[in-house]
Amino acid sequence: MVFLTRRERFSAAHKLWKPEWSEEKNFDVFGKCANQNWHGHNYELFITVKGEVNPETGFVIDLRILGEIINNKIINQLDHKNVNLDCPFMVGKLSTTENLAMGIWAILFPEVKKLGCELHSVKIKETENNSVEYLGN
């Protein structure tokens, strides 16, 4: 079994806010991430797939095709967008990095499977110090 990782980058804004909570509670729980005027990050996205190496090509997966899928299905929906307002797969969800990773997984899992390997993990680096890694259900 070989693990292969593709990195992509995107910049996006979001706000952590629950409308059913008071302003005080939102700021107590989410701190500066509840800023009324939003805030943004320069994210790094790491998609790791696993599988056997094809003896004919030497690939687990063609990275060009994987990159196209990630860009078409994920990056184009997120880059220079507002995660809360512009990203269809995040509608109705709190825009935490955890929820973002799970949403990306749900989109990429069947796409990667069609290519003959498995999605192993979705890792999102939100800041230099904070990242989330999701390994599926």
C-alpha atoms as a PDB file:
ATOM      1  CA  MET A   1       0.000   0.000   0.000  1.00  0.00           C
ATOM      2  CA  VAL A   2       1.370   3.392  -1.025  1.00  0.00           C
ATOM      3  CA  PHE A   3       0.167   6.751   0.318  1.00  0.00           C
ATOM      4  CA  LEU A   4       0.317   9.766  -1.991  1.00  0.00           C
ATOM      5  CA  THR A   5      -0.424  13.368  -1.013  1.00  0.00           C
ATOM      6  CA  ARG A   6      -1.397  16.339  -3.172  1.00  0.00           C
ATOM      7  CA  ARG A   7      -1.197  19.864  -1.731  1.00  0.00           C
ATOM      8  CA  GLU A   8      -3.381  22.735  -2.888  1.00  0.00           C
ATOM      9  CA  ARG A   9      -3.872  26.225  -1.465  1.00  0.00           C
ATOM     10  CA  PHE A  10      -6.820  28.561  -1.165  1.00  0.00           C
ATOM     11  CA  SER A  11      -7.669  31.814   0.580  1.00  0.00           C
ATOM     12  CA  ALA A  12     -11.102  32.227   2.111  1.00  0.00           C
ATOM     13  CA  ALA A  13     -13.032  34.241   4.666  1.00  0.00           C
ATOM     14  CA  HIS A  14     -15.390  32.930   7.324  1.00  0.00           C
ATOM     15  CA  LYS A  15     -17.000  33.737  10.631  1.00  0.00           C
ATOM     16  CA  LEU A  16     -17.795  31.400  13.488  1.00  0.00           C
ATOM     17  CA  TRP A  17     -21.211  32.478  14.708  1.00  0.00           C
ATOM     18  CA  LYS A  18     -24.362  30.775  15.909  1.00  0.00           C
ATOM     19  CA  PRO A  19     -27.367  33.072  15.391  1.00  0.00           C
ATOM     20  CA  GLU A  20     -29.348  31.387  18.159  1.00  0.00           C
ATOM     21  CA  TRP A  21     -26.670  32.430  20.666  1.00  0.00           C
ATOM     22  CA  SER A  22     -26.188  35.883  22.130  1.00  0.00           C
ATOM     23  CA  GLU A  23     -23.327  38.047  20.928  1.00  0.00           C
ATOM     24  CA  GLU A  24     -21.669  37.533  24.314  1.00  0.00           C
ATOM     25  CA  LYS A  25     -21.857  33.738  24.080  1.00  0.00           C
ATOM     26  CA  ASN A  26     -20.546  33.741  20.484  1.00  0.00           C
ATOM     27  CA  PHE A  27     -17.529  35.797  21.550  1.00  0.00           C
ATOM     28  CA  ASP A  28     -17.016  33.670  24.675  1.00  0.00           C
ATOM     29  CA  VAL A  29     -16.951  30.465  22.613  1.00  0.00           C
ATOM     30  CA  PHE A  30     -15.418  31.585  19.303  1.00  0.00           C
ATOM     31  CA  GLY A  31     -13.323  34.600  20.370  1.00  0.00           C
ATOM     32  CA  LYS A  32     -11.938  36.707  17.535  1.00  0.00           C
ATOM     33  CA  CYS A  33     -13.263  34.167  15.028  1.00  0.00           C
ATOM     34  CA  ALA A  34     -16.722  35.646  15.737  1.00  0.00           C
ATOM     35  CA  ASN A  35     -15.648  39.023  14.341  1.00  0.00           C
ATOM     36  CA  GLN A  36     -18.714  40.732  12.856  1.00  0.00           C
ATOM     37  CA  ASN A  37     -16.660  41.765   9.809  1.00  0.00           C
ATOM     38  CA  TRP A  38     -15.383  38.230   9.150  1.00  0.00           C
ATOM     39  CA  HIS A  39     -11.750  37.156   8.917  1.00  0.00           C
ATOM     40  CA  GLY A  40      -9.724  35.060   6.525  1.00  0.00           C
ATOM     41  CA  HIS A  41      -6.990  32.484   6.202  1.00  0.00           C
ATOM     42  CA  ASN A  42      -4.524  31.316   3.604  1.00  0.00           C
ATOM     43  CA  TYR A  43      -5.294  27.617   3.857  1.00  0.00           C
ATOM     44  CA  GLU A  44      -3.234  24.661   2.740  1.00  0.00           C
ATOM     45  CA  LEU A  45      -5.170  21.549   1.770  1.00  0.00           C
ATOM     46  CA  PHE A  46      -3.495  18.129   1.762  1.00  0.00           C
ATOM     47  CA  ILE A  47      -5.360  15.264   0.109  1.00  0.00           C
ATOM     48  CA  THR A  48      -3.845  11.840   0.747  1.00  0.00           C
ATOM     49  CA  VAL A  49      -4.900   8.798  -1.240  1.00  0.00           C
ATOM     50  CA  LYS A  50      -3.784   5.200  -0.833  1.00  0.00           C
ATOM     51  CA  GLY A  51      -3.593   2.233  -3.095  1.00  0.00           C
ATOM     52  CA  GLU A  52      -1.419  -0.180  -4.955  1.00  0.00           C
ATOM     53  CA  VAL A  53       1.025   0.988  -7.580  1.00  0.00           C
ATOM     54  CA  ASN A  54      -0.118   0.244 -11.113  1.00  0.00           C
ATOM     55  CA  PRO A  55       2.750  -1.810 -12.589  1.00  0.00           C
ATOM     56  CA  GLU A  56       2.158  -0.335 -16.039  1.00  0.00           C
ATOM     57  CA  THR A  57       2.261   3.358 -15.047  1.00  0.00           C
ATOM     58  CA  GLY A  58       4.134   3.267 -11.741  1.00  0.00           C
ATOM     59  CA  PHE A  59       1.348   5.452 -10.282  1.00  0.00           C
ATOM     60  CA  VAL A  60      -1.089   4.979  -7.439  1.00  0.00           C
ATOM     61  CA  ILE A  61      -3.068   7.720  -9.178  1.00  0.00           C
ATOM     62  CA  ASP A  62      -2.260  10.227 -11.880  1.00  0.00           C
ATOM     63  CA  LEU A  63      -1.539  13.377  -9.853  1.00  0.00           C
ATOM     64  CA  ARG A  64      -2.587  15.589 -12.750  1.00  0.00           C
ATOM     65  CA  ILE A  65      -6.074  14.063 -12.699  1.00  0.00           C
ATOM     66  CA  LEU A  66      -6.257  14.216  -8.890  1.00  0.00           C
ATOM     67  CA  GLY A  67      -5.240  17.886  -9.023  1.00  0.00           C
ATOM     68  CA  GLU A  68      -7.936  18.631 -11.600  1.00  0.00           C
ATOM     69  CA  ILE A  69     -10.592  16.982  -9.427  1.00  0.00           C
ATOM     70  CA  ILE A  70      -9.486  18.857  -6.297  1.00  0.00           C
ATOM     71  CA  ASN A  71      -9.445  22.156  -8.162  1.00  0.00           C
ATOM     72  CA  ASN A  72     -12.757  21.640  -9.954  1.00  0.00           C
ATOM     73  CA  LYS A  73     -14.687  20.223  -7.004  1.00  0.00           C
ATOM     74  CA  ILE A  74     -13.108  22.064  -4.048  1.00  0.00           C
ATOM     75  CA  ILE A  75     -10.715  24.940  -4.737  1.00  0.00           C
ATOM     76  CA  ASN A  76     -13.002  26.652  -7.257  1.00  0.00           C
ATOM     77  CA  GLN A  77     -15.752  26.686  -4.610  1.00  0.00           C
ATOM     78  CA  LEU A  78     -13.511  28.071  -1.857  1.00  0.00           C
ATOM     79  CA  ASP A  79     -10.704  30.232  -3.212  1.00  0.00           C
ATOM     80  CA  HIS A  80     -11.283  33.939  -2.560  1.00  0.00           C
ATOM     81  CA  LYS A  81     -14.791  33.167  -1.324  1.00  0.00           C
ATOM     82  CA  ASN A  82     -16.728  33.457   1.905  1.00  0.00           C
ATOM     83  CA  VAL A  83     -17.070  29.924   3.282  1.00  0.00           C
ATOM     84  CA  ASN A  84     -20.290  30.816   5.124  1.00  0.00           C
ATOM     85  CA  LEU A  85     -22.023  32.483   2.173  1.00  0.00           C
ATOM     86  CA  ASP A  86     -20.453  31.266  -1.086  1.00  0.00           C
ATOM     87  CA  CYS A  87     -19.660  27.593  -0.583  1.00  0.00           C
ATOM     88  CA  PRO A  88     -22.625  25.290  -1.357  1.00  0.00           C
ATOM     89  CA  PHE A  89     -21.288  22.289   0.566  1.00  0.00           C
ATOM     90  CA  MET A  90     -20.968  24.373   3.748  1.00  0.00           C
ATOM     91  CA  VAL A  91     -24.491  25.834   3.743  1.00  0.00           C
ATOM     92  CA  GLY A  92     -26.102  25.370   7.146  1.00  0.00           C
ATOM     93  CA  LYS A  93     -22.849  24.261   8.788  1.00  0.00           C
ATOM     94  CA  LEU A  94     -20.606  26.137  11.180  1.00  0.00           C
ATOM     95  CA  SER A  95     -17.516  27.033   9.136  1.00  0.00           C
ATOM     96  CA  THR A  96     -14.963  25.394  11.416  1.00  0.00           C
ATOM     97  CA  THR A  97     -11.954  23.756   9.845  1.00  0.00           C
ATOM     98  CA  GLU A  98     -13.247  20.442  11.193  1.00  0.00           C
ATOM     99  CA  ASN A  99     -16.539  20.815   9.295  1.00  0.00           C
ATOM    100  CA  LEU A 100     -14.699  22.023   6.211  1.00  0.00           C
ATOM    101  CA  ALA A 101     -12.490  18.896   6.218  1.00  0.00           C
ATOM    102  CA  MET A 102     -15.520  16.613   6.564  1.00  0.00           C
ATOM    103  CA  GLY A 103     -17.325  18.439   3.749  1.00  0.00           C
ATOM    104  CA  ILE A 104     -14.322  18.099   1.450  1.00  0.00           C
ATOM    105  CA  TRP A 105     -14.091  14.393   2.319  1.00  0.00           C
ATOM    106  CA  ALA A 106     -17.734  13.845   1.346  1.00  0.00           C
ATOM    107  CA  ILE A 107     -17.114  15.372  -2.078  1.00  0.00           C
ATOM    108  CA  LEU A 108     -13.769  13.724  -2.845  1.00  0.00           C
ATOM    109  CA  PHE A 109     -14.399  10.224  -1.471  1.00  0.00           C
ATOM    110  CA  PRO A 110     -16.516   8.983  -4.427  1.00  0.00           C
ATOM    111  CA  GLU A 111     -14.369  10.838  -6.978  1.00  0.00           C
ATOM    112  CA  VAL A 112     -11.163   9.179  -5.766  1.00  0.00           C
ATOM    113  CA  LYS A 113     -12.828   5.773  -5.613  1.00  0.00           C
ATOM    114  CA  LYS A 114     -13.752   6.070  -9.331  1.00  0.00           C
ATOM    115  CA  LEU A 115     -10.024   6.405 -10.058  1.00  0.00           C
ATOM    116  CA  GLY A 116      -9.187   3.063  -8.464  1.00  0.00           C
ATOM    117  CA  CYS A 117      -7.761   4.065  -5.116  1.00  0.00           C
ATOM    118  CA  GLU A 118      -9.011   5.216  -1.705  1.00  0.00           C
ATOM    119  CA  LEU A 119      -9.152   8.570  -0.007  1.00  0.00           C
ATOM    120  CA  HIS A 120      -7.034   8.243   3.130  1.00  0.00           C
ATOM    121  CA  SER A 121      -7.199  11.727   4.654  1.00  0.00           C
ATOM    122  CA  VAL A 122      -8.115  15.352   4.215  1.00  0.00           C
ATOM    123  CA  LYS A 123      -5.812  17.688   6.106  1.00  0.00           C
ATOM    124  CA  ILE A 124      -6.341  21.430   6.250  1.00  0.00           C
ATOM    125  CA  LYS A 125      -3.725  23.760   7.652  1.00  0.00           C
ATOM    126  CA  GLU A 126      -5.600  26.883   8.749  1.00  0.00           C
ATOM    127  CA  THR A 127      -2.690  28.729  10.332  1.00  0.00           C
ATOM    128  CA  GLU A 128       0.968  28.053  10.954  1.00  0.00           C
ATOM    129  CA  ASN A 129      -0.008  26.519  14.295  1.00  0.00           C
ATOM    130  CA  ASN A 130      -3.421  24.934  13.615  1.00  0.00           C
ATOM    131  CA  SER A 131      -4.473  22.125  11.326  1.00  0.00           C
ATOM    132  CA  VAL A 132      -7.193  19.482  11.151  1.00  0.00           C
ATOM    133  CA  GLU A 133      -6.902  16.014   9.680  1.00  0.00           C
ATOM    134  CA  TYR A 134      -9.983  13.931   8.881  1.00  0.00           C
ATOM    135  CA  LEU A 135      -9.665  10.211   8.165  1.00  0.00           C
ATOM    136  CA  GLY A 136     -13.269   9.498   7.207  1.00  0.00           C
ATOM    137  CA  ASN A 137     -16.231   8.072   9.029  1.00  0.00           C
END
